[in-house]
Amino acid sequence: MNRSDEEIKQAVKIYKALGEPTRFQIALLLADSSNMCCGDIGCKLGSVPVSTLSHHLKQLADCGLLDSDKDGTYIYYRLNREMAERFAPELLK
């Protein structure tokens, strides 16, 4: 199956992002939830500093795996299921 250069670049970004255990855990959390804010994700993960968590969320959003909505001062994150189905179906099991 031939894939475009753009698809290959997208896949590499996603796999690099998911190659970090904390980011993989975040993606799994969001796969089981409709949406969560940073504070809720931090509570579920435990001992991840907020600045580190923000960095992980940005990495996942930049590769297209997370979508977000802003509501006042809160940003709610959700898994982009289309991207997950296409590049990381393990997250949806």
PDB file of N, CA and C in Angstrom:
ATOM      1  N   MET A   1       0.843  -1.168   0.000  1.00  0.00           N
ATOM      2  CA  MET A   1       0.000   0.000   0.000  1.00  0.00           C
ATOM      3  C   MET A   1       0.896   1.242   0.000  1.00  0.00           C
ATOM      4  N   ASN A   2       0.681   2.108  -0.943  1.00  0.00           N
ATOM      5  CA  ASN A   2       1.453   3.346  -1.018  1.00  0.00           C
ATOM      6  C   ASN A   2       0.836   4.403  -0.124  1.00  0.00           C
ATOM      7  N   ARG A   3       1.677   5.072   0.596  1.00  0.00           N
ATOM      8  CA  ARG A   3       1.229   6.162   1.465  1.00  0.00           C
ATOM      9  C   ARG A   3       1.925   7.431   1.016  1.00  0.00           C
ATOM     10  N   SER A   4       1.219   8.532   1.145  1.00  0.00           N
ATOM     11  CA  SER A   4       1.807   9.814   0.772  1.00  0.00           C
ATOM     12  C   SER A   4       2.855  10.220   1.799  1.00  0.00           C
ATOM     13  N   ASP A   5       3.726  11.130   1.382  1.00  0.00           N
ATOM     14  CA  ASP A   5       4.744  11.649   2.308  1.00  0.00           C
ATOM     15  C   ASP A   5       4.083  12.295   3.521  1.00  0.00           C
ATOM     16  N   GLU A   6       2.953  12.969   3.294  1.00  0.00           N
ATOM     17  CA  GLU A   6       2.245  13.641   4.385  1.00  0.00           C
ATOM     18  C   GLU A   6       1.716  12.622   5.403  1.00  0.00           C
ATOM     19  N   GLU A   7       1.174  11.518   4.925  1.00  0.00           N
ATOM     20  CA  GLU A   7       0.681  10.467   5.829  1.00  0.00           C
ATOM     21  C   GLU A   7       1.816   9.867   6.641  1.00  0.00           C
ATOM     22  N   ILE A   8       2.946   9.672   6.006  1.00  0.00           N
ATOM     23  CA  ILE A   8       4.105   9.108   6.700  1.00  0.00           C
ATOM     24  C   ILE A   8       4.594  10.078   7.778  1.00  0.00           C
ATOM     25  N   LYS A   9       4.679  11.365   7.450  1.00  0.00           N
ATOM     26  CA  LYS A   9       5.103  12.363   8.435  1.00  0.00           C
ATOM     27  C   LYS A   9       4.140  12.409   9.615  1.00  0.00           C
ATOM     28  N   GLN A  10       2.839  12.341   9.332  1.00  0.00           N
ATOM     29  CA  GLN A  10       1.821  12.353  10.387  1.00  0.00           C
ATOM     30  C   GLN A  10       1.976  11.141  11.292  1.00  0.00           C
ATOM     31  N   ALA A  11       2.154   9.976  10.690  1.00  0.00           N
ATOM     32  CA  ALA A  11       2.316   8.745  11.469  1.00  0.00           C
ATOM     33  C   ALA A  11       3.544   8.821  12.369  1.00  0.00           C
ATOM     34  N   VAL A  12       4.649   9.321  11.843  1.00  0.00           N
ATOM     35  CA  VAL A  12       5.881   9.434  12.627  1.00  0.00           C
ATOM     36  C   VAL A  12       5.673  10.362  13.821  1.00  0.00           C
ATOM     37  N   LYS A  13       4.999  11.505  13.606  1.00  0.00           N
ATOM     38  CA  LYS A  13       4.723  12.436  14.714  1.00  0.00           C
ATOM     39  C   LYS A  13       3.904  11.752  15.804  1.00  0.00           C
ATOM     40  N   ILE A  14       2.884  11.029  15.393  1.00  0.00           N
ATOM     41  CA  ILE A  14       2.015  10.360  16.371  1.00  0.00           C
ATOM     42  C   ILE A  14       2.783   9.286  17.122  1.00  0.00           C
ATOM     43  N   TYR A  15       3.548   8.469  16.410  1.00  0.00           N
ATOM     44  CA  TYR A  15       4.285   7.398  17.077  1.00  0.00           C
ATOM     45  C   TYR A  15       5.359   7.946  18.012  1.00  0.00           C
ATOM     46  N   LYS A  16       5.998   9.052  17.627  1.00  0.00           N
ATOM     47  CA  LYS A  16       6.977   9.684  18.526  1.00  0.00           C
ATOM     48  C   LYS A  16       6.287  10.183  19.789  1.00  0.00           C
ATOM     49  N   ALA A  17       5.132  10.816  19.621  1.00  0.00           N
ATOM     50  CA  ALA A  17       4.406  11.332  20.784  1.00  0.00           C
ATOM     51  C   ALA A  17       3.986  10.195  21.704  1.00  0.00           C
ATOM     52  N   LEU A  18       3.489   9.114  21.143  1.00  0.00           N
ATOM     53  CA  LEU A  18       3.024   7.986  21.957  1.00  0.00           C
ATOM     54  C   LEU A  18       4.166   7.134  22.495  1.00  0.00           C
ATOM     55  N   GLY A  19       5.374   7.361  22.006  1.00  0.00           N
ATOM     56  CA  GLY A  19       6.528   6.605  22.474  1.00  0.00           C
ATOM     57  C   GLY A  19       6.954   6.980  23.890  1.00  0.00           C
ATOM     58  N   GLU A  20       6.413   8.045  24.426  1.00  0.00           N
ATOM     59  CA  GLU A  20       6.699   8.467  25.796  1.00  0.00           C
ATOM     60  C   GLU A  20       5.587   7.917  26.689  1.00  0.00           C
ATOM     61  N   PRO A  21       5.927   7.154  27.731  1.00  0.00           N
ATOM     62  CA  PRO A  21       4.907   6.471  28.538  1.00  0.00           C
ATOM     63  C   PRO A  21       3.817   7.365  29.127  1.00  0.00           C
ATOM     64  N   THR A  22       4.168   8.553  29.597  1.00  0.00           N
ATOM     65  CA  THR A  22       3.151   9.432  30.180  1.00  0.00           C
ATOM     66  C   THR A  22       2.163   9.885  29.116  1.00  0.00           C
ATOM     67  N   ARG A  23       2.663  10.206  27.925  1.00  0.00           N
ATOM     68  CA  ARG A  23       1.767  10.630  26.852  1.00  0.00           C
ATOM     69  C   ARG A  23       0.864   9.480  26.421  1.00  0.00           C
ATOM     70  N   PHE A  24       1.396   8.279  26.407  1.00  0.00           N
ATOM     71  CA  PHE A  24       0.569   7.114  26.066  1.00  0.00           C
ATOM     72  C   PHE A  24      -0.536   6.948  27.110  1.00  0.00           C
ATOM     73  N   GLN A  25      -0.202   7.124  28.382  1.00  0.00           N
ATOM     74  CA  GLN A  25      -1.210   7.034  29.450  1.00  0.00           C
ATOM     75  C   GLN A  25      -2.280   8.117  29.295  1.00  0.00           C
ATOM     76  N   ILE A  26      -1.874   9.319  28.936  1.00  0.00           N
ATOM     77  CA  ILE A  26      -2.830  10.406  28.726  1.00  0.00           C
ATOM     78  C   ILE A  26      -3.787  10.042  27.594  1.00  0.00           C
ATOM     79  N   ALA A  27      -3.245   9.527  26.509  1.00  0.00           N
ATOM     80  CA  ALA A  27      -4.080   9.146  25.373  1.00  0.00           C
ATOM     81  C   ALA A  27      -5.058   8.034  25.773  1.00  0.00           C
ATOM     82  N   LEU A  28      -4.601   7.081  26.564  1.00  0.00           N
ATOM     83  CA  LEU A  28      -5.487   6.014  27.035  1.00  0.00           C
ATOM     84  C   LEU A  28      -6.599   6.574  27.924  1.00  0.00           C
ATOM     85  N   LEU A  29      -6.247   7.497  28.810  1.00  0.00           N
ATOM     86  CA  LEU A  29      -7.257   8.135  29.667  1.00  0.00           C
ATOM     87  C   LEU A  29      -8.334   8.821  28.831  1.00  0.00           C
ATOM     88  N   LEU A  30      -7.883   9.562  27.833  1.00  0.00           N
ATOM     89  CA  LEU A  30      -8.822  10.312  27.010  1.00  0.00           C
ATOM     90  C   LEU A  30      -9.615   9.404  26.072  1.00  0.00           C
ATOM     91  N   ALA A  31      -9.090   8.239  25.771  1.00  0.00           N
ATOM     92  CA  ALA A  31      -9.836   7.283  24.953  1.00  0.00           C
ATOM     93  C   ALA A  31     -11.043   6.757  25.720  1.00  0.00           C
ATOM     94  N   ASP A  32     -10.934   6.722  27.047  1.00  0.00           N
ATOM     95  CA  ASP A  32     -12.014   6.219  27.896  1.00  0.00           C
ATOM     96  C   ASP A  32     -12.923   7.326  28.414  1.00  0.00           C
ATOM     97  N   SER A  33     -12.713   8.547  27.971  1.00  0.00           N
ATOM     98  CA  SER A  33     -13.456   9.693  28.480  1.00  0.00           C
ATOM     99  C   SER A  33     -13.901  10.569  27.317  1.00  0.00           C
ATOM    100  N   SER A  34     -14.972  11.321  27.513  1.00  0.00           N
ATOM    101  CA  SER A  34     -15.410  12.217  26.442  1.00  0.00           C
ATOM    102  C   SER A  34     -14.474  13.418  26.346  1.00  0.00           C
ATOM    103  N   ASN A  35     -14.161  14.047  27.461  1.00  0.00           N
ATOM    104  CA  ASN A  35     -13.171  15.121  27.498  1.00  0.00           C
ATOM    105  C   ASN A  35     -12.756  15.368  28.943  1.00  0.00           C
ATOM    106  N   MET A  36     -11.567  15.919  29.099  1.00  0.00           N
ATOM    107  CA  MET A  36     -11.031  16.186  30.430  1.00  0.00           C
ATOM    108  C   MET A  36     -10.183  17.448  30.382  1.00  0.00           C
ATOM    109  N   CYS A  37     -10.185  18.189  31.488  1.00  0.00           N
ATOM    110  CA  CYS A  37      -9.294  19.350  31.580  1.00  0.00           C
ATOM    111  C   CYS A  37      -7.954  18.876  32.151  1.00  0.00           C
ATOM    112  N   CYS A  38      -6.972  19.746  32.069  1.00  0.00           N
ATOM    113  CA  CYS A  38      -5.621  19.426  32.517  1.00  0.00           C
ATOM    114  C   CYS A  38      -5.606  18.972  33.974  1.00  0.00           C
ATOM    115  N   GLY A  39      -6.364  19.660  34.833  1.00  0.00           N
ATOM    116  CA  GLY A  39      -6.404  19.305  36.247  1.00  0.00           C
ATOM    117  C   GLY A  39      -6.934  17.907  36.486  1.00  0.00           C
ATOM    118  N   ASP A  40      -7.987  17.523  35.755  1.00  0.00           N
ATOM    119  CA  ASP A  40      -8.546  16.176  35.893  1.00  0.00           C
ATOM    120  C   ASP A  40      -7.553  15.116  35.430  1.00  0.00           C
ATOM    121  N   ILE A  41      -6.876  15.401  34.330  1.00  0.00           N
ATOM    122  CA  ILE A  41      -5.876  14.455  33.820  1.00  0.00           C
ATOM    123  C   ILE A  41      -4.754  14.306  34.842  1.00  0.00           C
ATOM    124  N   GLY A  42      -4.310  15.430  35.401  1.00  0.00           N
ATOM    125  CA  GLY A  42      -3.251  15.399  36.408  1.00  0.00           C
ATOM    126  C   GLY A  42      -3.641  14.587  37.631  1.00  0.00           C
ATOM    127  N   CYS A  43      -4.892  14.724  38.075  1.00  0.00           N
ATOM    128  CA  CYS A  43      -5.368  13.949  39.230  1.00  0.00           C
ATOM    129  C   CYS A  43      -5.346  12.451  38.936  1.00  0.00           C
ATOM    130  N   LYS A  44      -5.721  12.085  37.733  1.00  0.00           N
ATOM    131  CA  LYS A  44      -5.745  10.656  37.355  1.00  0.00           C
ATOM    132  C   LYS A  44      -4.336  10.080  37.248  1.00  0.00           C
ATOM    133  N   LEU A  45      -3.391  10.899  36.775  1.00  0.00           N
ATOM    134  CA  LEU A  45      -2.020  10.409  36.583  1.00  0.00           C
ATOM    135  C   LEU A  45      -1.216  10.405  37.867  1.00  0.00           C
ATOM    136  N   GLY A  46      -1.553  11.278  38.783  1.00  0.00           N
ATOM    137  CA  GLY A  46      -0.837  11.307  40.051  1.00  0.00           C
ATOM    138  C   GLY A  46       0.289  12.313  40.083  1.00  0.00           C
ATOM    139  N   SER A  47       1.513  11.857  40.052  1.00  0.00           N
ATOM    140  CA  SER A  47       2.671  12.705  40.359  1.00  0.00           C
ATOM    141  C   SER A  47       3.321  13.359  39.138  1.00  0.00           C
ATOM    142  N   VAL A  48       2.522  13.866  38.215  1.00  0.00           N
ATOM    143  CA  VAL A  48       3.087  14.570  37.064  1.00  0.00           C
ATOM    144  C   VAL A  48       2.918  16.076  37.297  1.00  0.00           C
ATOM    145  N   PRO A  49       4.016  16.829  37.355  1.00  0.00           N
ATOM    146  CA  PRO A  49       3.906  18.278  37.548  1.00  0.00           C
ATOM    147  C   PRO A  49       3.086  18.931  36.433  1.00  0.00           C
ATOM    148  N   VAL A  50       2.373  19.993  36.768  1.00  0.00           N
ATOM    149  CA  VAL A  50       1.480  20.654  35.821  1.00  0.00           C
ATOM    150  C   VAL A  50       2.233  21.129  34.573  1.00  0.00           C
ATOM    151  N   SER A  51       3.426  21.667  34.753  1.00  0.00           N
ATOM    152  CA  SER A  51       4.187  22.153  33.591  1.00  0.00           C
ATOM    153  C   SER A  51       4.557  20.996  32.659  1.00  0.00           C
ATOM    154  N   THR A  52       4.911  19.858  33.229  1.00  0.00           N
ATOM    155  CA  THR A  52       5.236  18.684  32.428  1.00  0.00           C
ATOM    156  C   THR A  52       3.990  18.162  31.729  1.00  0.00           C
ATOM    157  N   LEU A  53       2.882  18.144  32.446  1.00  0.00           N
ATOM    158  CA  LEU A  53       1.621  17.688  31.866  1.00  0.00           C
ATOM    159  C   LEU A  53       1.213  18.575  30.695  1.00  0.00           C
ATOM    160  N   SER A  54       1.353  19.875  30.854  1.00  0.00           N
ATOM    161  CA  SER A  54       1.035  20.808  29.768  1.00  0.00           C
ATOM    162  C   SER A  54       1.890  20.534  28.537  1.00  0.00           C
ATOM    163  N   HIS A  55       3.165  20.252  28.767  1.00  0.00           N
ATOM    164  CA  HIS A  55       4.069  19.920  27.660  1.00  0.00           C
ATOM    165  C   HIS A  55       3.591  18.657  26.944  1.00  0.00           C
ATOM    166  N   HIS A  56       3.226  17.633  27.695  1.00  0.00           N
ATOM    167  CA  HIS A  56       2.749  16.384  27.092  1.00  0.00           C
ATOM    168  C   HIS A  56       1.465  16.608  26.295  1.00  0.00           C
ATOM    169  N   LEU A  57       0.546  17.390  26.850  1.00  0.00           N
ATOM    170  CA  LEU A  57      -0.704  17.672  26.147  1.00  0.00           C
ATOM    171  C   LEU A  57      -0.436  18.433  24.854  1.00  0.00           C
ATOM    172  N   LYS A  58       0.499  19.353  24.886  1.00  0.00           N
ATOM    173  CA  LYS A  58       0.839  20.103  23.678  1.00  0.00           C
ATOM    174  C   LYS A  58       1.414  19.175  22.615  1.00  0.00           C
ATOM    175  N   GLN A  59       2.287  18.268  23.006  1.00  0.00           N
ATOM    176  CA  GLN A  59       2.868  17.318  22.057  1.00  0.00           C
ATOM    177  C   GLN A  59       1.779  16.467  21.395  1.00  0.00           C
ATOM    178  N   LEU A  60       0.845  15.992  22.196  1.00  0.00           N
ATOM    179  CA  LEU A  60      -0.238  15.156  21.663  1.00  0.00           C
ATOM    180  C   LEU A  60      -1.174  15.964  20.766  1.00  0.00           C
ATOM    181  N   ALA A  61      -1.411  17.206  21.118  1.00  0.00           N
ATOM    182  CA  ALA A  61      -2.267  18.067  20.290  1.00  0.00           C
ATOM    183  C   ALA A  61      -1.554  18.442  18.990  1.00  0.00           C
ATOM    184  N   ASP A  62      -0.260  18.732  19.067  1.00  0.00           N
ATOM    185  CA  ASP A  62       0.495  19.131  17.878  1.00  0.00           C
ATOM    186  C   ASP A  62       0.566  18.027  16.824  1.00  0.00           C
ATOM    187  N   CYS A  63       0.546  16.786  17.250  1.00  0.00           N
ATOM    188  CA  CYS A  63       0.601  15.692  16.275  1.00  0.00           C
ATOM    189  C   CYS A  63      -0.791  15.335  15.751  1.00  0.00           C
ATOM    190  N   GLY A  64      -1.826  15.972  16.289  1.00  0.00           N
ATOM    191  CA  GLY A  64      -3.179  15.746  15.799  1.00  0.00           C
ATOM    192  C   GLY A  64      -3.968  14.697  16.548  1.00  0.00           C
ATOM    193  N   LEU A  65      -3.384  14.147  17.598  1.00  0.00           N
ATOM    194  CA  LEU A  65      -4.055  13.085  18.332  1.00  0.00           C
ATOM    195  C   LEU A  65      -5.075  13.607  19.333  1.00  0.00           C
ATOM    196  N   LEU A  66      -4.909  14.858  19.769  1.00  0.00           N
ATOM    197  CA  LEU A  66      -5.864  15.468  20.694  1.00  0.00           C
ATOM    198  C   LEU A  66      -6.516  16.688  20.061  1.00  0.00           C
ATOM    199  N   ASP A  67      -7.777  16.869  20.372  1.00  0.00           N
ATOM    200  CA  ASP A  67      -8.501  18.093  20.050  1.00  0.00           C
ATOM    201  C   ASP A  67      -8.785  18.789  21.368  1.00  0.00           C
ATOM    202  N   SER A  68      -9.032  20.087  21.316  1.00  0.00           N
ATOM    203  CA  SER A  68      -9.304  20.812  22.552  1.00  0.00           C
ATOM    204  C   SER A  68     -10.347  21.895  22.325  1.00  0.00           C
ATOM    205  N   ASP A  69     -11.019  22.241  23.407  1.00  0.00           N
ATOM    206  CA  ASP A  69     -11.986  23.334  23.436  1.00  0.00           C
ATOM    207  C   ASP A  69     -11.701  24.160  24.668  1.00  0.00           C
ATOM    208  N   LYS A  70     -11.770  25.464  24.504  1.00  0.00           N
ATOM    209  CA  LYS A  70     -11.548  26.356  25.633  1.00  0.00           C
ATOM    210  C   LYS A  70     -12.899  26.793  26.183  1.00  0.00           C
ATOM    211  N   ASP A  71     -13.031  26.728  27.507  1.00  0.00           N
ATOM    212  CA  ASP A  71     -14.246  27.173  28.191  1.00  0.00           C
ATOM    213  C   ASP A  71     -13.800  28.053  29.357  1.00  0.00           C
ATOM    214  N   GLY A  72     -13.814  29.343  29.146  1.00  0.00           N
ATOM    215  CA  GLY A  72     -13.301  30.260  30.167  1.00  0.00           C
ATOM    216  C   GLY A  72     -11.808  30.085  30.295  1.00  0.00           C
ATOM    217  N   THR A  73     -11.357  29.771  31.501  1.00  0.00           N
ATOM    218  CA  THR A  73      -9.923  29.566  31.722  1.00  0.00           C
ATOM    219  C   THR A  73      -9.513  28.102  31.582  1.00  0.00           C
ATOM    220  N   TYR A  74     -10.473  27.233  31.337  1.00  0.00           N
ATOM    221  CA  TYR A  74     -10.192  25.794  31.217  1.00  0.00           C
ATOM    222  C   TYR A  74     -10.075  25.387  29.751  1.00  0.00           C
ATOM    223  N   ILE A  75      -9.167  24.462  29.501  1.00  0.00           N
ATOM    224  CA  ILE A  75      -9.061  23.838  28.186  1.00  0.00           C
ATOM    225  C   ILE A  75      -9.408  22.366  28.387  1.00  0.00           C
ATOM    226  N   TYR A  76     -10.380  21.904  27.630  1.00  0.00           N
ATOM    227  CA  TYR A  76     -10.815  20.512  27.704  1.00  0.00           C
ATOM    228  C   TYR A  76     -10.258  19.759  26.508  1.00  0.00           C
ATOM    229  N   TYR A  77      -9.628  18.625  26.801  1.00  0.00           N
ATOM    230  CA  TYR A  77      -8.989  17.814  25.773  1.00  0.00           C
ATOM    231  C   TYR A  77      -9.806  16.559  25.526  1.00  0.00           C
ATOM    232  N   ARG A  78      -9.784  16.107  24.281  1.00  0.00           N
ATOM    233  CA  ARG A  78     -10.422  14.840  23.926  1.00  0.00           C
ATOM    234  C   ARG A  78      -9.576  14.177  22.839  1.00  0.00           C
ATOM    235  N   LEU A  79      -9.659  12.882  22.787  1.00  0.00           N
ATOM    236  CA  LEU A  79      -8.918  12.117  21.792  1.00  0.00           C
ATOM    237  C   LEU A  79      -9.556  12.327  20.425  1.00  0.00           C
ATOM    238  N   ASN A  80      -8.755  12.572  19.429  1.00  0.00           N
ATOM    239  CA  ASN A  80      -9.240  12.639  18.052  1.00  0.00           C
ATOM    240  C   ASN A  80      -9.376  11.185  17.584  1.00  0.00           C
ATOM    241  N   ARG A  81     -10.579  10.683  17.655  1.00  0.00           N
ATOM    242  CA  ARG A  81     -10.821   9.264  17.384  1.00  0.00           C
ATOM    243  C   ARG A  81     -10.489   8.873  15.949  1.00  0.00           C
ATOM    244  N   GLU A  82     -10.684   9.782  15.032  1.00  0.00           N
ATOM    245  CA  GLU A  82     -10.354   9.476  13.632  1.00  0.00           C
ATOM    246  C   GLU A  82      -8.859   9.201  13.479  1.00  0.00           C
ATOM    247  N   MET A  83      -8.047  10.062  14.096  1.00  0.00           N
ATOM    248  CA  MET A  83      -6.591   9.869  14.042  1.00  0.00           C
ATOM    249  C   MET A  83      -6.184   8.600  14.779  1.00  0.00           C
ATOM    250  N   ALA A  84      -6.821   8.361  15.919  1.00  0.00           N
ATOM    251  CA  ALA A  84      -6.497   7.165  16.695  1.00  0.00           C
ATOM    252  C   ALA A  84      -6.853   5.901  15.906  1.00  0.00           C
ATOM    253  N   GLU A  85      -8.006   5.881  15.289  1.00  0.00           N
ATOM    254  CA  GLU A  85      -8.401   4.707  14.491  1.00  0.00           C
ATOM    255  C   GLU A  85      -7.421   4.463  13.360  1.00  0.00           C
ATOM    256  N   ARG A  86      -6.953   5.545  12.779  1.00  0.00           N
ATOM    257  CA  ARG A  86      -6.080   5.439  11.616  1.00  0.00           C
ATOM    258  C   ARG A  86      -4.650   5.050  11.969  1.00  0.00           C
ATOM    259  N   PHE A  87      -4.102   5.673  13.027  1.00  0.00           N
ATOM    260  CA  PHE A  87      -2.682   5.488  13.325  1.00  0.00           C
ATOM    261  C   PHE A  87      -2.388   4.746  14.623  1.00  0.00           C
ATOM    262  N   ALA A  88      -3.327   4.709  15.555  1.00  0.00           N
ATOM    263  CA  ALA A  88      -3.064   4.078  16.857  1.00  0.00           C
ATOM    264  C   ALA A  88      -4.315   3.379  17.378  1.00  0.00           C
ATOM    265  N   PRO A  89      -4.810   2.384  16.664  1.00  0.00           N
ATOM    266  CA  PRO A  89      -6.053   1.713  17.083  1.00  0.00           C
ATOM    267  C   PRO A  89      -5.951   1.006  18.427  1.00  0.00           C
ATOM    268  N   GLU A  90      -4.751   0.750  18.889  1.00  0.00           N
ATOM    269  CA  GLU A  90      -4.570   0.125  20.206  1.00  0.00           C
ATOM    270  C   GLU A  90      -5.179   0.972  21.311  1.00  0.00           C
ATOM    271  N   LEU A  91      -5.214   2.278  21.128  1.00  0.00           N
ATOM    272  CA  LEU A  91      -5.786   3.174  22.135  1.00  0.00           C
ATOM    273  C   LEU A  91      -7.280   2.949  22.314  1.00  0.00           C
ATOM    274  N   LEU A  92      -7.945   2.450  21.320  1.00  0.00           N
ATOM    275  CA  LEU A  92      -9.406   2.335  21.354  1.00  0.00           C
ATOM    276  C   LEU A  92      -9.898   0.962  21.802  1.00  0.00           C
ATOM    277  N   LYS A  93      -8.994   0.078  22.162  1.00  0.00           N
ATOM    278  CA  LYS A  93      -9.396  -1.275  22.607  1.00  0.00           C
ATOM    279  C   LYS A  93      -9.899  -1.260  24.019  1.00  0.00           C
TER     280      LYS A  93
END
